[in-house]
């Protein structure tokens, strides 16, 4: 595991959002202006969206909604055609428009994008491109055994690689 066992245990039981600061970031000195919300359309992502929405309304900053279409694991051992990738991207954009955009009435500035690739790589690249001050996403726990629960690999990799703090939400 890339993150420590204490973080793993806290993430498993935390009744509140978990803020992870891995390194100094520009947002420490100038406030928040760009927040990335990464979604996989799960129930946990819906909770993360509600948190992100409230935060950007409170801080009056931009919200960037992002989904990474995981083309590596979607069709187990089969390479997707470009038409299939583009169709899945259109479907993901439709889901964002239907699921999140109706809630954005009081958010002055927002945008949304879908990229294909390895989710954690694309989230970190997108955050860098948008000069993100904060990334908010859901974490999913994976159980290796009943006693051992671990964060999902995407949130773990984003925490380790992102150039800004990450808020992880599971409920």
C-alpha atoms as a PDB file:
ATOM      1  CA  UNK A   1       0.000   0.000   0.000  1.00  0.00           C
ATOM      2  CA  UNK A   2       1.254   3.461  -0.877  1.00  0.00           C
ATOM      3  CA  UNK A   3      -0.452   5.224   2.012  1.00  0.00           C
ATOM      4  CA  UNK A   4       0.108   4.326   5.635  1.00  0.00           C
ATOM      5  CA  UNK A   5      -1.963   1.920   7.675  1.00  0.00           C
ATOM      6  CA  UNK A   6      -3.150   4.730   9.974  1.00  0.00           C
ATOM      7  CA  UNK A   7      -4.613   6.611   7.011  1.00  0.00           C
ATOM      8  CA  UNK A   8      -6.197   3.385   5.801  1.00  0.00           C
ATOM      9  CA  UNK A   9      -7.868   2.811   9.193  1.00  0.00           C
ATOM     10  CA  UNK A  10      -9.039   6.414   9.530  1.00  0.00           C
ATOM     11  CA  UNK A  11     -10.501   6.410   6.003  1.00  0.00           C
ATOM     12  CA  UNK A  12     -12.407   3.225   6.779  1.00  0.00           C
ATOM     13  CA  UNK A  13     -14.284   4.630   9.780  1.00  0.00           C
ATOM     14  CA  UNK A  14     -14.221   8.418   9.377  1.00  0.00           C
ATOM     15  CA  UNK A  15     -17.722   9.853   9.758  1.00  0.00           C
ATOM     16  CA  UNK A  16     -16.558  13.029   8.026  1.00  0.00           C
ATOM     17  CA  UNK A  17     -14.569  13.981   4.907  1.00  0.00           C
ATOM     18  CA  UNK A  18     -10.877  13.139   5.113  1.00  0.00           C
ATOM     19  CA  UNK A  19      -8.420  15.861   4.032  1.00  0.00           C
ATOM     20  CA  UNK A  20      -4.993  14.586   2.985  1.00  0.00           C
ATOM     21  CA  UNK A  21      -2.180  17.086   2.504  1.00  0.00           C
ATOM     22  CA  UNK A  22       0.751  15.301   0.931  1.00  0.00           C
ATOM     23  CA  UNK A  23       2.967  18.305   0.138  1.00  0.00           C
ATOM     24  CA  UNK A  24       2.922  22.113   0.281  1.00  0.00           C
ATOM     25  CA  UNK A  25       0.588  23.619  -2.316  1.00  0.00           C
ATOM     26  CA  UNK A  26      -0.093  27.081  -3.706  1.00  0.00           C
ATOM     27  CA  UNK A  27      -3.593  26.967  -2.207  1.00  0.00           C
ATOM     28  CA  UNK A  28      -2.041  27.277   1.247  1.00  0.00           C
ATOM     29  CA  UNK A  29      -1.153  30.895   0.524  1.00  0.00           C
ATOM     30  CA  UNK A  30      -3.823  32.235  -1.797  1.00  0.00           C
ATOM     31  CA  UNK A  31      -7.070  30.556  -0.824  1.00  0.00           C
ATOM     32  CA  UNK A  32      -9.179  28.244  -2.950  1.00  0.00           C
ATOM     33  CA  UNK A  33     -10.219  29.183  -6.464  1.00  0.00           C
ATOM     34  CA  UNK A  34     -10.253  25.881  -8.409  1.00  0.00           C
ATOM     35  CA  UNK A  35     -11.789  22.703  -7.027  1.00  0.00           C
ATOM     36  CA  UNK A  36     -11.803  19.410  -8.934  1.00  0.00           C
ATOM     37  CA  UNK A  37     -14.576  16.907  -8.268  1.00  0.00           C
ATOM     38  CA  UNK A  38     -13.700  13.479  -9.654  1.00  0.00           C
ATOM     39  CA  UNK A  39     -16.631  11.121 -10.145  1.00  0.00           C
ATOM     40  CA  UNK A  40     -17.198   7.486 -10.992  1.00  0.00           C
ATOM     41  CA  UNK A  41     -20.992   7.931 -10.698  1.00  0.00           C
ATOM     42  CA  UNK A  42     -21.194   5.811  -7.525  1.00  0.00           C
ATOM     43  CA  UNK A  43     -23.317   6.583  -4.443  1.00  0.00           C
ATOM     44  CA  UNK A  44     -20.120   7.581  -2.641  1.00  0.00           C
ATOM     45  CA  UNK A  45     -19.388   9.999  -5.514  1.00  0.00           C
ATOM     46  CA  UNK A  46     -22.824  11.539  -5.018  1.00  0.00           C
ATOM     47  CA  UNK A  47     -21.889  12.242  -1.383  1.00  0.00           C
ATOM     48  CA  UNK A  48     -18.572  13.734  -2.522  1.00  0.00           C
ATOM     49  CA  UNK A  49     -20.442  15.919  -5.028  1.00  0.00           C
ATOM     50  CA  UNK A  50     -22.763  17.282  -2.334  1.00  0.00           C
ATOM     51  CA  UNK A  51     -19.716  18.188  -0.244  1.00  0.00           C
ATOM     52  CA  UNK A  52     -17.920  19.772  -3.234  1.00  0.00           C
ATOM     53  CA  UNK A  53     -21.014  21.747  -4.182  1.00  0.00           C
ATOM     54  CA  UNK A  54     -21.426  23.174  -0.677  1.00  0.00           C
ATOM     55  CA  UNK A  55     -17.716  24.017  -0.486  1.00  0.00           C
ATOM     56  CA  UNK A  56     -17.574  25.912  -3.796  1.00  0.00           C
ATOM     57  CA  UNK A  57     -20.755  27.820  -2.919  1.00  0.00           C
ATOM     58  CA  UNK A  58     -19.275  28.796   0.452  1.00  0.00           C
ATOM     59  CA  UNK A  59     -15.882  29.784  -0.978  1.00  0.00           C
ATOM     60  CA  UNK A  60     -17.230  31.226  -4.264  1.00  0.00           C
ATOM     61  CA  UNK A  61     -14.740  29.303  -6.367  1.00  0.00           C
ATOM     62  CA  UNK A  62     -14.822  27.322  -9.622  1.00  0.00           C
ATOM     63  CA  UNK A  63     -15.922  23.694  -9.715  1.00  0.00           C
ATOM     64  CA  UNK A  64     -14.486  21.379 -12.352  1.00  0.00           C
ATOM     65  CA  UNK A  65     -16.413  18.110 -12.660  1.00  0.00           C
ATOM     66  CA  UNK A  66     -14.283  15.315 -14.080  1.00  0.00           C
ATOM     67  CA  UNK A  67     -14.768  11.683 -15.022  1.00  0.00           C
ATOM     68  CA  UNK A  68     -12.014   9.411 -16.308  1.00  0.00           C
ATOM     69  CA  UNK A  69     -13.328   6.662 -18.558  1.00  0.00           C
ATOM     70  CA  UNK A  70     -11.258   3.635 -17.578  1.00  0.00           C
ATOM     71  CA  UNK A  71     -10.637   2.020 -20.943  1.00  0.00           C
ATOM     72  CA  UNK A  72      -8.237  -0.488 -19.432  1.00  0.00           C
ATOM     73  CA  UNK A  73     -10.721  -2.392 -17.309  1.00  0.00           C
ATOM     74  CA  UNK A  74     -14.034  -1.826 -19.069  1.00  0.00           C
ATOM     75  CA  UNK A  75     -13.970  -4.721 -21.486  1.00  0.00           C
ATOM     76  CA  UNK A  76     -11.686  -7.276 -19.824  1.00  0.00           C
ATOM     77  CA  UNK A  77      -9.005  -8.259 -22.259  1.00  0.00           C
ATOM     78  CA  UNK A  78     -10.670  -6.667 -25.255  1.00  0.00           C
ATOM     79  CA  UNK A  79      -9.419  -3.487 -26.851  1.00  0.00           C
ATOM     80  CA  UNK A  80     -12.222  -1.010 -27.379  1.00  0.00           C
ATOM     81  CA  UNK A  81     -12.629   0.588 -30.778  1.00  0.00           C
ATOM     82  CA  UNK A  82     -12.399   4.356 -31.057  1.00  0.00           C
ATOM     83  CA  UNK A  83     -16.140   4.453 -31.812  1.00  0.00           C
ATOM     84  CA  UNK A  84     -16.848   2.579 -28.550  1.00  0.00           C
ATOM     85  CA  UNK A  85     -14.596   4.939 -26.592  1.00  0.00           C
ATOM     86  CA  UNK A  86     -16.298   7.998 -28.074  1.00  0.00           C
ATOM     87  CA  UNK A  87     -19.740   6.510 -27.414  1.00  0.00           C
ATOM     88  CA  UNK A  88     -18.801   5.866 -23.766  1.00  0.00           C
ATOM     89  CA  UNK A  89     -17.471   9.418 -23.447  1.00  0.00           C
ATOM     90  CA  UNK A  90     -20.755  10.815 -24.810  1.00  0.00           C
ATOM     91  CA  UNK A  91     -22.691   8.630 -22.360  1.00  0.00           C
ATOM     92  CA  UNK A  92     -20.527   9.835 -19.449  1.00  0.00           C
ATOM     93  CA  UNK A  93     -21.075  13.471 -20.469  1.00  0.00           C
ATOM     94  CA  UNK A  94     -24.826  12.785 -20.613  1.00  0.00           C
ATOM     95  CA  UNK A  95     -24.671  11.332 -17.098  1.00  0.00           C
ATOM     96  CA  UNK A  96     -22.825  14.399 -15.784  1.00  0.00           C
ATOM     97  CA  UNK A  97     -25.377  16.717 -17.412  1.00  0.00           C
ATOM     98  CA  UNK A  98     -28.268  14.749 -15.923  1.00  0.00           C
ATOM     99  CA  UNK A  99     -26.833  13.985 -12.501  1.00  0.00           C
ATOM    100  CA  UNK A 100     -24.800  17.045 -11.493  1.00  0.00           C
ATOM    101  CA  UNK A 101     -25.514  20.060 -13.692  1.00  0.00           C
ATOM    102  CA  UNK A 102     -29.118  20.576 -12.468  1.00  0.00           C
ATOM    103  CA  UNK A 103     -27.640  21.172  -8.985  1.00  0.00           C
ATOM    104  CA  UNK A 104     -25.256  23.909 -10.180  1.00  0.00           C
ATOM    105  CA  UNK A 105     -27.746  26.826 -10.103  1.00  0.00           C
ATOM    106  CA  UNK A 106     -25.851  28.873  -7.520  1.00  0.00           C
ATOM    107  CA  UNK A 107     -22.343  28.021  -8.712  1.00  0.00           C
ATOM    108  CA  UNK A 108     -20.994  30.991 -10.686  1.00  0.00           C
ATOM    109  CA  UNK A 109     -18.331  29.103 -12.638  1.00  0.00           C
ATOM    110  CA  UNK A 110     -18.124  25.433 -13.467  1.00  0.00           C
ATOM    111  CA  UNK A 111     -17.185  23.115 -16.265  1.00  0.00           C
ATOM    112  CA  UNK A 112     -17.087  19.385 -16.854  1.00  0.00           C
ATOM    113  CA  UNK A 113     -14.977  17.015 -18.894  1.00  0.00           C
ATOM    114  CA  UNK A 114     -14.542  13.322 -19.571  1.00  0.00           C
ATOM    115  CA  UNK A 115     -11.179  11.895 -20.586  1.00  0.00           C
ATOM    116  CA  UNK A 116     -10.229   8.315 -21.293  1.00  0.00           C
ATOM    117  CA  UNK A 117      -7.290   6.568 -19.680  1.00  0.00           C
ATOM    118  CA  UNK A 118      -6.124   5.323 -16.298  1.00  0.00           C
ATOM    119  CA  UNK A 119      -8.385   7.180 -13.841  1.00  0.00           C
ATOM    120  CA  UNK A 120      -5.795   8.300 -11.284  1.00  0.00           C
ATOM    121  CA  UNK A 121      -3.374   9.442 -13.996  1.00  0.00           C
ATOM    122  CA  UNK A 122      -6.065  11.442 -15.779  1.00  0.00           C
ATOM    123  CA  UNK A 123      -7.370  13.017 -12.551  1.00  0.00           C
ATOM    124  CA  UNK A 124      -3.876  14.184 -11.578  1.00  0.00           C
ATOM    125  CA  UNK A 125      -3.222  15.525 -15.108  1.00  0.00           C
ATOM    126  CA  UNK A 126      -6.570  17.316 -15.174  1.00  0.00           C
ATOM    127  CA  UNK A 127      -5.918  18.856 -11.757  1.00  0.00           C
ATOM    128  CA  UNK A 128      -2.524  20.086 -12.943  1.00  0.00           C
ATOM    129  CA  UNK A 129      -4.052  21.560 -16.122  1.00  0.00           C
ATOM    130  CA  UNK A 130      -6.747  23.394 -14.128  1.00  0.00           C
ATOM    131  CA  UNK A 131      -4.279  24.613 -11.474  1.00  0.00           C
ATOM    132  CA  UNK A 132      -6.379  22.856  -8.853  1.00  0.00           C
ATOM    133  CA  UNK A 133      -6.242  23.977  -5.259  1.00  0.00           C
ATOM    134  CA  UNK A 134      -8.138  20.913  -4.082  1.00  0.00           C
ATOM    135  CA  UNK A 135      -9.362  17.560  -5.410  1.00  0.00           C
ATOM    136  CA  UNK A 136     -12.539  16.047  -3.962  1.00  0.00           C
ATOM    137  CA  UNK A 137     -13.483  12.472  -4.711  1.00  0.00           C
ATOM    138  CA  UNK A 138     -15.061   9.436  -3.143  1.00  0.00           C
ATOM    139  CA  UNK A 139     -13.019   6.610  -1.816  1.00  0.00           C
ATOM    140  CA  UNK A 140     -14.100   3.045  -1.996  1.00  0.00           C
ATOM    141  CA  UNK A 141     -12.707   0.524   0.405  1.00  0.00           C
ATOM    142  CA  UNK A 142     -11.567  -2.885  -0.703  1.00  0.00           C
ATOM    143  CA  UNK A 143     -11.514  -5.770   1.745  1.00  0.00           C
ATOM    144  CA  UNK A 144      -8.633  -8.195   1.503  1.00  0.00           C
ATOM    145  CA  UNK A 145      -9.997  -9.849   4.643  1.00  0.00           C
ATOM    146  CA  UNK A 146     -12.566  -8.936   7.276  1.00  0.00           C
ATOM    147  CA  UNK A 147      -9.914  -7.235   9.427  1.00  0.00           C
ATOM    148  CA  UNK A 148      -8.046  -5.591   6.573  1.00  0.00           C
ATOM    149  CA  UNK A 149      -9.805  -2.859   4.634  1.00  0.00           C
ATOM    150  CA  UNK A 150      -7.855  -0.768   2.133  1.00  0.00           C
ATOM    151  CA  UNK A 151      -8.583   2.357   0.150  1.00  0.00           C
ATOM    152  CA  UNK A 152      -9.260   1.858  -3.541  1.00  0.00           C
ATOM    153  CA  UNK A 153      -6.225   2.194  -5.776  1.00  0.00           C
ATOM    154  CA  UNK A 154      -7.442   5.328  -7.596  1.00  0.00           C
ATOM    155  CA  UNK A 155      -7.854   7.513  -4.506  1.00  0.00           C
ATOM    156  CA  UNK A 156      -4.622   6.127  -3.057  1.00  0.00           C
ATOM    157  CA  UNK A 157      -2.694   7.031  -6.218  1.00  0.00           C
ATOM    158  CA  UNK A 158      -4.309  10.487  -6.431  1.00  0.00           C
ATOM    159  CA  UNK A 159      -3.359  11.183  -2.797  1.00  0.00           C
ATOM    160  CA  UNK A 160       0.264  10.227  -3.459  1.00  0.00           C
ATOM    161  CA  UNK A 161       0.637  11.966  -6.843  1.00  0.00           C
ATOM    162  CA  UNK A 162      -1.520  15.113  -6.708  1.00  0.00           C
ATOM    163  CA  UNK A 163       0.150  18.494  -6.402  1.00  0.00           C
ATOM    164  CA  UNK A 164      -2.646  19.743  -4.131  1.00  0.00           C
ATOM    165  CA  UNK A 165      -4.592  18.502  -1.101  1.00  0.00           C
ATOM    166  CA  UNK A 166      -7.214  15.784  -1.608  1.00  0.00           C
ATOM    167  CA  UNK A 167     -10.495  15.404   0.256  1.00  0.00           C
ATOM    168  CA  UNK A 168     -11.740  11.833   0.315  1.00  0.00           C
ATOM    169  CA  UNK A 169     -15.371  11.065   1.135  1.00  0.00           C
ATOM    170  CA  UNK A 170     -17.019   7.695   1.630  1.00  0.00           C
ATOM    171  CA  UNK A 171     -20.481   8.582   2.960  1.00  0.00           C
END
